[in-house]
Amino acid sequence: MLNTDAEGRLVLCDVLTYVERFEPEVVIDVATLTGACVIALGHHITGLMSNHNPLAHELISASEQAGDRAWRLPIGDEYQEQLESNFADMANIGGRPGGAITAACFLSRFTRKYNWAHLDIAGTAWRSGKAKGATGRPVALLSQFLLNRSGFNGEE
């Protein structure tokens, strides 16, 4: 545990490990995981990371259809290296560079047995200022994803 402020990902990895026993077709987790995602994408676009290209493409397509934009960030081996530790199996943070990505890399280590995507909504979950409050994001994206998966096209 290199950073006690990165505790959310520890709870999330427990859940991601637990869900394995149900042999899910896909798992999509949604969290306000990192301030680094706000730095990378601001308050307009949700961060998307996935271990499965077809799932990532489905989510990007749904985000475009719903007008609830997401942008895919990589979770490659070069980022995984930032989680190496001299005294533990792995570190829970990888440092400032690529912080949103290394957080997802940490989670991805617990999702190897199923198709998984992570939506980092730290920048899109709420607004500040005069329009202060929850945005409801990524409900539209996820609803469209489920509609697409069900084959529903809006016509009777």
N, C-alpha and C. Protein backbone atom coordinates (compact mmCIF):
# COMPACT_ATOMS: atom_id res chain seq x y z
N MET A 1 0.86 -1.16 0.00
CA MET A 1 0.00 0.00 0.00
C MET A 1 0.91 1.22 0.00
N LEU A 2 1.06 1.81 -1.16
CA LEU A 2 1.94 2.98 -1.27
C LEU A 2 1.20 4.28 -1.05
N ASN A 3 -0.13 4.24 -1.20
CA ASN A 3 -0.91 5.46 -1.04
C ASN A 3 -2.27 5.10 -0.46
N THR A 4 -2.53 5.57 0.75
CA THR A 4 -3.81 5.24 1.41
C THR A 4 -4.98 5.98 0.79
N ASP A 5 -4.71 6.98 -0.05
CA ASP A 5 -5.78 7.68 -0.74
C ASP A 5 -6.24 6.91 -1.98
N ALA A 6 -5.55 5.83 -2.31
CA ALA A 6 -5.92 4.99 -3.45
C ALA A 6 -6.58 3.71 -2.94
N GLU A 7 -7.43 3.87 -1.93
CA GLU A 7 -8.07 2.71 -1.30
C GLU A 7 -9.25 2.18 -2.11
N GLY A 8 -9.90 3.02 -2.90
CA GLY A 8 -11.06 2.59 -3.68
C GLY A 8 -10.73 1.44 -4.61
N ARG A 9 -9.57 1.49 -5.21
CA ARG A 9 -9.18 0.42 -6.14
C ARG A 9 -8.97 -0.90 -5.41
N LEU A 10 -8.62 -0.85 -4.12
CA LEU A 10 -8.45 -2.08 -3.34
C LEU A 10 -9.80 -2.75 -3.11
N VAL A 11 -10.80 -1.96 -2.78
CA VAL A 11 -12.16 -2.50 -2.60
C VAL A 11 -12.67 -3.03 -3.94
N LEU A 12 -12.45 -2.27 -4.99
CA LEU A 12 -12.91 -2.67 -6.31
C LEU A 12 -12.25 -3.97 -6.77
N CYS A 13 -10.97 -4.16 -6.48
CA CYS A 13 -10.32 -5.42 -6.90
C CYS A 13 -10.90 -6.61 -6.15
N ASP A 14 -11.36 -6.41 -4.91
CA ASP A 14 -12.05 -7.49 -4.19
C ASP A 14 -13.34 -7.87 -4.91
N VAL A 15 -14.09 -6.88 -5.33
CA VAL A 15 -15.35 -7.13 -6.05
C VAL A 15 -15.07 -7.81 -7.38
N LEU A 16 -14.05 -7.33 -8.10
CA LEU A 16 -13.72 -7.92 -9.40
C LEU A 16 -13.25 -9.36 -9.26
N THR A 17 -12.61 -9.68 -8.17
CA THR A 17 -12.21 -11.07 -7.91
C THR A 17 -13.42 -11.92 -7.54
N TYR A 18 -14.31 -11.38 -6.71
CA TYR A 18 -15.50 -12.10 -6.27
C TYR A 18 -16.41 -12.46 -7.45
N VAL A 19 -16.60 -11.53 -8.38
CA VAL A 19 -17.54 -11.73 -9.49
C VAL A 19 -17.11 -12.88 -10.41
N GLU A 20 -15.85 -13.23 -10.39
CA GLU A 20 -15.32 -14.33 -11.20
C GLU A 20 -16.13 -15.61 -11.05
N ARG A 21 -16.58 -15.90 -9.83
CA ARG A 21 -17.29 -17.16 -9.55
C ARG A 21 -18.61 -17.27 -10.31
N PHE A 22 -19.13 -16.17 -10.82
CA PHE A 22 -20.40 -16.19 -11.55
C PHE A 22 -20.21 -16.35 -13.05
N GLU A 23 -18.95 -16.43 -13.50
CA GLU A 23 -18.61 -16.61 -14.90
C GLU A 23 -19.38 -15.64 -15.81
N PRO A 24 -19.22 -14.34 -15.57
CA PRO A 24 -19.97 -13.35 -16.34
C PRO A 24 -19.51 -13.26 -17.79
N GLU A 25 -20.44 -12.88 -18.66
CA GLU A 25 -20.09 -12.62 -20.06
C GLU A 25 -19.22 -11.37 -20.14
N VAL A 26 -19.63 -10.33 -19.43
CA VAL A 26 -18.84 -9.10 -19.33
C VAL A 26 -19.03 -8.50 -17.95
N VAL A 27 -18.06 -7.71 -17.54
CA VAL A 27 -18.16 -6.93 -16.31
C VAL A 27 -17.74 -5.51 -16.66
N ILE A 28 -18.58 -4.55 -16.28
CA ILE A 28 -18.25 -3.14 -16.46
C ILE A 28 -18.32 -2.50 -15.09
N ASP A 29 -17.20 -1.97 -14.63
CA ASP A 29 -17.23 -1.24 -13.37
C ASP A 29 -17.20 0.25 -13.66
N VAL A 30 -17.84 1.00 -12.79
CA VAL A 30 -17.94 2.45 -12.92
C VAL A 30 -17.50 3.06 -11.60
N ALA A 31 -16.54 3.97 -11.66
CA ALA A 31 -16.04 4.57 -10.42
C ALA A 31 -15.45 5.95 -10.69
N THR A 32 -15.52 6.79 -9.67
CA THR A 32 -14.79 8.06 -9.69
C THR A 32 -13.40 7.74 -9.16
N LEU A 33 -12.64 7.01 -9.95
CA LEU A 33 -11.42 6.38 -9.45
C LEU A 33 -10.24 7.32 -9.32
N THR A 34 -10.01 8.19 -10.32
CA THR A 34 -8.78 8.97 -10.27
C THR A 34 -8.97 10.42 -10.67
N GLY A 35 -8.32 11.30 -9.93
CA GLY A 35 -8.22 12.69 -10.35
C GLY A 35 -7.40 12.80 -11.62
N ALA A 36 -6.54 11.82 -11.86
CA ALA A 36 -5.71 11.82 -13.07
C ALA A 36 -6.56 11.76 -14.34
N CYS A 37 -7.73 11.11 -14.26
CA CYS A 37 -8.61 11.06 -15.43
C CYS A 37 -9.18 12.44 -15.72
N VAL A 38 -9.42 13.21 -14.68
CA VAL A 38 -9.89 14.59 -14.86
C VAL A 38 -8.81 15.40 -15.56
N ILE A 39 -7.56 15.22 -15.18
CA ILE A 39 -6.45 15.92 -15.82
C ILE A 39 -6.35 15.50 -17.28
N ALA A 40 -6.51 14.22 -17.56
CA ALA A 40 -6.38 13.71 -18.93
C ALA A 40 -7.54 14.11 -19.84
N LEU A 41 -8.78 14.02 -19.35
CA LEU A 41 -9.95 14.19 -20.21
C LEU A 41 -10.87 15.33 -19.80
N GLY A 42 -10.58 15.99 -18.70
CA GLY A 42 -11.44 17.08 -18.26
C GLY A 42 -12.77 16.59 -17.74
N HIS A 43 -13.78 17.45 -17.89
CA HIS A 43 -15.11 17.16 -17.36
C HIS A 43 -16.12 16.79 -18.45
N HIS A 44 -15.62 16.52 -19.65
CA HIS A 44 -16.53 16.29 -20.77
C HIS A 44 -16.58 14.85 -21.27
N ILE A 45 -15.51 14.10 -21.01
CA ILE A 45 -15.40 12.75 -21.59
C ILE A 45 -15.01 11.76 -20.49
N THR A 46 -15.71 10.64 -20.43
CA THR A 46 -15.42 9.58 -19.47
C THR A 46 -14.24 8.74 -19.97
N GLY A 47 -13.38 8.35 -19.05
CA GLY A 47 -12.26 7.47 -19.40
C GLY A 47 -12.73 6.02 -19.48
N LEU A 48 -12.31 5.32 -20.51
CA LEU A 48 -12.66 3.92 -20.73
C LEU A 48 -11.38 3.11 -20.88
N MET A 49 -11.26 2.06 -20.11
CA MET A 49 -10.15 1.12 -20.24
C MET A 49 -10.73 -0.29 -20.23
N SER A 50 -10.17 -1.17 -21.06
CA SER A 50 -10.75 -2.51 -21.18
C SER A 50 -9.67 -3.52 -21.54
N ASN A 51 -9.91 -4.76 -21.12
CA ASN A 51 -9.01 -5.86 -21.49
C ASN A 51 -9.53 -6.61 -22.72
N HIS A 52 -10.59 -6.08 -23.36
CA HIS A 52 -11.24 -6.79 -24.46
C HIS A 52 -11.66 -5.78 -25.53
N ASN A 53 -10.98 -5.83 -26.68
CA ASN A 53 -11.24 -4.84 -27.73
C ASN A 53 -12.69 -4.79 -28.19
N PRO A 54 -13.36 -5.92 -28.46
CA PRO A 54 -14.76 -5.84 -28.90
C PRO A 54 -15.67 -5.15 -27.86
N LEU A 55 -15.46 -5.42 -26.59
CA LEU A 55 -16.25 -4.76 -25.55
C LEU A 55 -15.98 -3.26 -25.55
N ALA A 56 -14.73 -2.87 -25.66
CA ALA A 56 -14.38 -1.45 -25.70
C ALA A 56 -15.05 -0.77 -26.89
N HIS A 57 -15.04 -1.43 -28.05
CA HIS A 57 -15.68 -0.86 -29.24
C HIS A 57 -17.19 -0.72 -29.05
N GLU A 58 -17.82 -1.72 -28.43
CA GLU A 58 -19.26 -1.64 -28.14
C GLU A 58 -19.57 -0.43 -27.25
N LEU A 59 -18.75 -0.23 -26.23
CA LEU A 59 -18.98 0.88 -25.31
C LEU A 59 -18.74 2.23 -25.97
N ILE A 60 -17.72 2.34 -26.79
CA ILE A 60 -17.46 3.59 -27.51
C ILE A 60 -18.62 3.89 -28.45
N SER A 61 -19.09 2.87 -29.16
CA SER A 61 -20.23 3.05 -30.07
C SER A 61 -21.47 3.51 -29.30
N ALA A 62 -21.75 2.86 -28.18
CA ALA A 62 -22.91 3.25 -27.35
C ALA A 62 -22.74 4.67 -26.83
N SER A 63 -21.52 5.05 -26.48
CA SER A 63 -21.29 6.40 -25.97
C SER A 63 -21.58 7.44 -27.04
N GLU A 64 -21.19 7.14 -28.28
CA GLU A 64 -21.45 8.07 -29.38
C GLU A 64 -22.94 8.14 -29.69
N GLN A 65 -23.62 6.99 -29.70
CA GLN A 65 -25.06 6.97 -29.96
C GLN A 65 -25.83 7.75 -28.90
N ALA A 66 -25.41 7.62 -27.65
CA ALA A 66 -26.13 8.24 -26.54
C ALA A 66 -25.72 9.69 -26.29
N GLY A 67 -24.66 10.15 -26.95
CA GLY A 67 -24.17 11.50 -26.68
C GLY A 67 -23.55 11.61 -25.29
N ASP A 68 -23.06 10.50 -24.78
CA ASP A 68 -22.45 10.42 -23.45
C ASP A 68 -21.02 9.90 -23.68
N ARG A 69 -20.17 10.80 -24.13
CA ARG A 69 -18.88 10.42 -24.71
C ARG A 69 -17.91 9.76 -23.73
N ALA A 70 -17.21 8.76 -24.27
CA ALA A 70 -16.12 8.09 -23.56
C ALA A 70 -14.93 8.01 -24.51
N TRP A 71 -13.75 7.93 -23.94
CA TRP A 71 -12.52 7.84 -24.73
C TRP A 71 -11.68 6.71 -24.16
N ARG A 72 -11.23 5.84 -25.05
CA ARG A 72 -10.44 4.69 -24.59
C ARG A 72 -8.99 5.09 -24.34
N LEU A 73 -8.51 4.67 -23.19
CA LEU A 73 -7.11 4.83 -22.81
C LEU A 73 -6.47 3.44 -22.77
N PRO A 74 -5.17 3.33 -23.06
CA PRO A 74 -4.53 2.01 -23.10
C PRO A 74 -4.25 1.44 -21.72
N ILE A 75 -4.10 0.13 -21.65
CA ILE A 75 -3.63 -0.52 -20.42
C ILE A 75 -2.52 -1.51 -20.78
N GLY A 76 -1.53 -1.03 -21.53
CA GLY A 76 -0.45 -1.88 -22.02
C GLY A 76 0.59 -2.24 -20.98
N ASP A 77 1.45 -3.17 -21.37
CA ASP A 77 2.50 -3.68 -20.48
C ASP A 77 3.43 -2.58 -19.97
N GLU A 78 3.71 -1.59 -20.81
CA GLU A 78 4.61 -0.52 -20.37
C GLU A 78 4.04 0.24 -19.17
N TYR A 79 2.72 0.30 -19.04
CA TYR A 79 2.09 0.93 -17.87
C TYR A 79 2.05 -0.04 -16.69
N GLN A 80 1.87 -1.32 -16.98
CA GLN A 80 1.86 -2.34 -15.92
C GLN A 80 3.17 -2.32 -15.14
N GLU A 81 4.27 -2.04 -15.83
CA GLU A 81 5.59 -2.01 -15.19
C GLU A 81 5.66 -1.00 -14.05
N GLN A 82 4.86 0.06 -14.13
CA GLN A 82 4.86 1.09 -13.09
C GLN A 82 4.32 0.56 -11.76
N LEU A 83 3.66 -0.59 -11.78
CA LEU A 83 3.09 -1.18 -10.57
C LEU A 83 4.02 -2.20 -9.92
N GLU A 84 5.20 -2.38 -10.47
CA GLU A 84 6.15 -3.33 -9.88
C GLU A 84 6.62 -2.80 -8.54
N SER A 85 6.90 -3.73 -7.62
CA SER A 85 7.31 -3.37 -6.27
C SER A 85 8.51 -4.21 -5.85
N ASN A 86 9.40 -3.62 -5.06
CA ASN A 86 10.56 -4.34 -4.53
C ASN A 86 10.21 -5.16 -3.30
N PHE A 87 9.06 -4.87 -2.67
CA PHE A 87 8.75 -5.53 -1.39
C PHE A 87 7.36 -6.12 -1.32
N ALA A 88 6.59 -6.07 -2.40
CA ALA A 88 5.24 -6.64 -2.40
C ALA A 88 4.96 -7.25 -3.78
N ASP A 89 3.86 -7.97 -3.89
CA ASP A 89 3.48 -8.55 -5.18
C ASP A 89 3.29 -7.47 -6.23
N MET A 90 2.73 -6.35 -5.80
CA MET A 90 2.50 -5.22 -6.69
C MET A 90 2.21 -3.99 -5.85
N ALA A 91 2.36 -2.83 -6.47
CA ALA A 91 2.03 -1.57 -5.81
C ALA A 91 0.59 -1.20 -6.16
N ASN A 92 -0.06 -0.43 -5.29
CA ASN A 92 -1.43 -0.02 -5.59
C ASN A 92 -1.49 1.28 -6.38
N ILE A 93 -0.36 1.93 -6.59
CA ILE A 93 -0.28 3.10 -7.46
C ILE A 93 0.99 3.00 -8.30
N GLY A 94 0.99 3.71 -9.41
CA GLY A 94 2.15 3.67 -10.29
C GLY A 94 2.83 5.01 -10.44
N GLY A 95 2.51 5.97 -9.58
CA GLY A 95 3.08 7.30 -9.69
C GLY A 95 2.18 8.23 -10.49
N ARG A 96 2.61 9.47 -10.65
CA ARG A 96 1.79 10.48 -11.34
C ARG A 96 1.62 10.24 -12.83
N PRO A 97 2.69 9.88 -13.56
CA PRO A 97 2.52 9.71 -15.01
C PRO A 97 1.53 8.59 -15.35
N GLY A 98 0.53 8.92 -16.14
CA GLY A 98 -0.45 7.91 -16.54
C GLY A 98 -1.28 7.38 -15.40
N GLY A 99 -1.59 8.21 -14.41
CA GLY A 99 -2.27 7.76 -13.20
C GLY A 99 -3.60 7.06 -13.42
N ALA A 100 -4.41 7.55 -14.35
CA ALA A 100 -5.69 6.89 -14.63
C ALA A 100 -5.45 5.53 -15.27
N ILE A 101 -4.44 5.46 -16.11
CA ILE A 101 -4.12 4.21 -16.80
C ILE A 101 -3.56 3.19 -15.82
N THR A 102 -2.64 3.60 -14.96
CA THR A 102 -2.06 2.63 -14.02
C THR A 102 -3.09 2.16 -13.00
N ALA A 103 -4.06 3.00 -12.67
CA ALA A 103 -5.16 2.55 -11.79
C ALA A 103 -5.94 1.44 -12.47
N ALA A 104 -6.24 1.61 -13.76
CA ALA A 104 -6.94 0.57 -14.50
C ALA A 104 -6.06 -0.67 -14.69
N CYS A 105 -4.76 -0.47 -14.85
CA CYS A 105 -3.83 -1.61 -14.94
C CYS A 105 -3.89 -2.43 -13.66
N PHE A 106 -3.95 -1.74 -12.53
CA PHE A 106 -4.07 -2.44 -11.25
C PHE A 106 -5.33 -3.29 -11.24
N LEU A 107 -6.46 -2.70 -11.63
CA LEU A 107 -7.73 -3.43 -11.66
C LEU A 107 -7.67 -4.60 -12.65
N SER A 108 -7.03 -4.38 -13.78
CA SER A 108 -7.00 -5.41 -14.83
C SER A 108 -6.32 -6.69 -14.36
N ARG A 109 -5.47 -6.60 -13.37
CA ARG A 109 -4.80 -7.79 -12.84
C ARG A 109 -5.78 -8.74 -12.14
N PHE A 110 -6.97 -8.26 -11.86
CA PHE A 110 -8.00 -9.06 -11.18
C PHE A 110 -9.14 -9.44 -12.11
N THR A 111 -8.97 -9.21 -13.41
CA THR A 111 -10.05 -9.43 -14.38
C THR A 111 -9.62 -10.33 -15.54
N ARG A 112 -8.64 -11.14 -15.34
CA ARG A 112 -8.07 -11.93 -16.45
C ARG A 112 -8.98 -13.06 -16.92
N LYS A 113 -9.98 -13.42 -16.14
CA LYS A 113 -10.83 -14.57 -16.49
C LYS A 113 -12.13 -14.17 -17.17
N TYR A 114 -12.33 -12.90 -17.43
CA TYR A 114 -13.55 -12.46 -18.11
C TYR A 114 -13.28 -11.15 -18.84
N ASN A 115 -14.23 -10.79 -19.71
CA ASN A 115 -14.14 -9.54 -20.47
C ASN A 115 -14.59 -8.40 -19.56
N TRP A 116 -13.76 -7.38 -19.49
CA TRP A 116 -13.96 -6.32 -18.49
C TRP A 116 -13.70 -4.95 -19.09
N ALA A 117 -14.44 -3.98 -18.59
CA ALA A 117 -14.19 -2.58 -18.92
C ALA A 117 -14.36 -1.75 -17.65
N HIS A 118 -13.58 -0.71 -17.58
CA HIS A 118 -13.64 0.24 -16.47
C HIS A 118 -13.99 1.61 -17.03
N LEU A 119 -14.99 2.25 -16.44
CA LEU A 119 -15.35 3.62 -16.79
C LEU A 119 -14.96 4.52 -15.62
N ASP A 120 -14.00 5.40 -15.85
CA ASP A 120 -13.56 6.34 -14.82
C ASP A 120 -14.36 7.63 -15.03
N ILE A 121 -15.29 7.87 -14.12
CA ILE A 121 -16.20 9.01 -14.25
C ILE A 121 -15.83 10.16 -13.30
N ALA A 122 -14.58 10.19 -12.87
CA ALA A 122 -14.15 11.24 -11.93
C ALA A 122 -14.41 12.64 -12.48
N GLY A 123 -14.27 12.81 -13.78
CA GLY A 123 -14.47 14.13 -14.37
C GLY A 123 -15.88 14.39 -14.86
N THR A 124 -16.68 13.35 -15.00
CA THR A 124 -18.00 13.52 -15.63
C THR A 124 -19.18 13.26 -14.70
N ALA A 125 -18.95 12.81 -13.49
CA ALA A 125 -20.04 12.42 -12.59
C ALA A 125 -20.81 13.60 -12.01
N TRP A 126 -20.17 14.75 -11.89
CA TRP A 126 -20.84 15.91 -11.31
C TRP A 126 -20.30 17.19 -11.88
N ARG A 127 -21.08 18.26 -11.65
CA ARG A 127 -20.70 19.61 -12.09
C ARG A 127 -20.50 20.48 -10.87
N SER A 128 -19.66 21.47 -11.05
CA SER A 128 -19.45 22.49 -10.01
C SER A 128 -20.10 23.79 -10.46
N GLY A 129 -19.99 24.80 -9.63
CA GLY A 129 -20.47 26.13 -9.99
C GLY A 129 -21.98 26.26 -9.91
N LYS A 130 -22.53 27.11 -10.79
CA LYS A 130 -23.98 27.38 -10.78
C LYS A 130 -24.81 26.14 -11.09
N ALA A 131 -24.28 25.27 -11.93
CA ALA A 131 -25.01 24.04 -12.32
C ALA A 131 -24.60 22.86 -11.44
N LYS A 132 -24.21 23.13 -10.21
CA LYS A 132 -23.68 22.12 -9.30
C LYS A 132 -24.64 20.95 -9.11
N GLY A 133 -24.08 19.74 -9.16
CA GLY A 133 -24.88 18.54 -8.91
C GLY A 133 -24.46 17.38 -9.77
N ALA A 134 -25.11 16.25 -9.55
CA ALA A 134 -24.80 15.03 -10.29
C ALA A 134 -25.25 15.16 -11.74
N THR A 135 -24.49 14.56 -12.64
CA THR A 135 -24.81 14.62 -14.07
C THR A 135 -25.61 13.41 -14.54
N GLY A 136 -25.58 12.32 -13.79
CA GLY A 136 -26.24 11.10 -14.22
C GLY A 136 -25.40 10.27 -15.19
N ARG A 137 -24.22 10.74 -15.48
CA ARG A 137 -23.36 10.00 -16.40
C ARG A 137 -22.67 8.85 -15.66
N PRO A 138 -22.52 7.73 -16.25
CA PRO A 138 -22.72 7.30 -17.63
C PRO A 138 -24.00 6.49 -17.84
N VAL A 139 -25.10 6.89 -17.23
CA VAL A 139 -26.35 6.12 -17.35
C VAL A 139 -26.79 6.00 -18.81
N ALA A 140 -26.73 7.09 -19.57
CA ALA A 140 -27.14 7.04 -20.98
C ALA A 140 -26.26 6.09 -21.78
N LEU A 141 -24.97 6.15 -21.55
CA LEU A 141 -24.02 5.25 -22.23
C LEU A 141 -24.35 3.79 -21.92
N LEU A 142 -24.50 3.47 -20.64
CA LEU A 142 -24.77 2.08 -20.24
C LEU A 142 -26.14 1.61 -20.72
N SER A 143 -27.13 2.50 -20.70
CA SER A 143 -28.47 2.13 -21.20
C SER A 143 -28.40 1.80 -22.69
N GLN A 144 -27.69 2.63 -23.45
CA GLN A 144 -27.54 2.38 -24.88
C GLN A 144 -26.78 1.09 -25.14
N PHE A 145 -25.76 0.83 -24.35
CA PHE A 145 -25.00 -0.42 -24.46
C PHE A 145 -25.93 -1.62 -24.28
N LEU A 146 -26.77 -1.57 -23.25
CA LEU A 146 -27.70 -2.68 -22.99
C LEU A 146 -28.76 -2.80 -24.09
N LEU A 147 -29.25 -1.67 -24.57
CA LEU A 147 -30.21 -1.71 -25.69
C LEU A 147 -29.57 -2.34 -26.92
N ASN A 148 -28.35 -1.94 -27.22
CA ASN A 148 -27.64 -2.52 -28.37
C ASN A 148 -27.45 -4.02 -28.19
N ARG A 149 -27.08 -4.42 -27.00
CA ARG A 149 -26.86 -5.85 -26.71
C ARG A 149 -28.15 -6.65 -26.83
N SER A 150 -29.27 -6.03 -26.50
CA SER A 150 -30.56 -6.73 -26.55
C SER A 150 -31.12 -6.82 -27.96
N GLY A 151 -30.56 -6.03 -28.87
CA GLY A 151 -31.06 -6.01 -30.23
C GLY A 151 -32.18 -5.01 -30.44
N PHE A 152 -32.54 -4.25 -29.41
CA PHE A 152 -33.61 -3.25 -29.52
C PHE A 152 -33.11 -2.08 -30.35
N ASN A 153 -33.90 -1.68 -31.36
CA ASN A 153 -33.49 -0.56 -32.20
C ASN A 153 -34.45 0.62 -32.13
N GLY A 154 -35.39 0.59 -31.20
CA GLY A 154 -36.31 1.72 -31.03
C GLY A 154 -37.55 1.65 -31.88
N GLU A 155 -37.64 0.66 -32.74
CA GLU A 155 -38.81 0.53 -33.61
C GLU A 155 -39.67 -0.63 -33.13
N GLU A 156 -40.96 -0.47 -33.23
CA GLU A 156 -41.90 -1.53 -32.83
C GLU A 156 -42.20 -2.43 -33.99
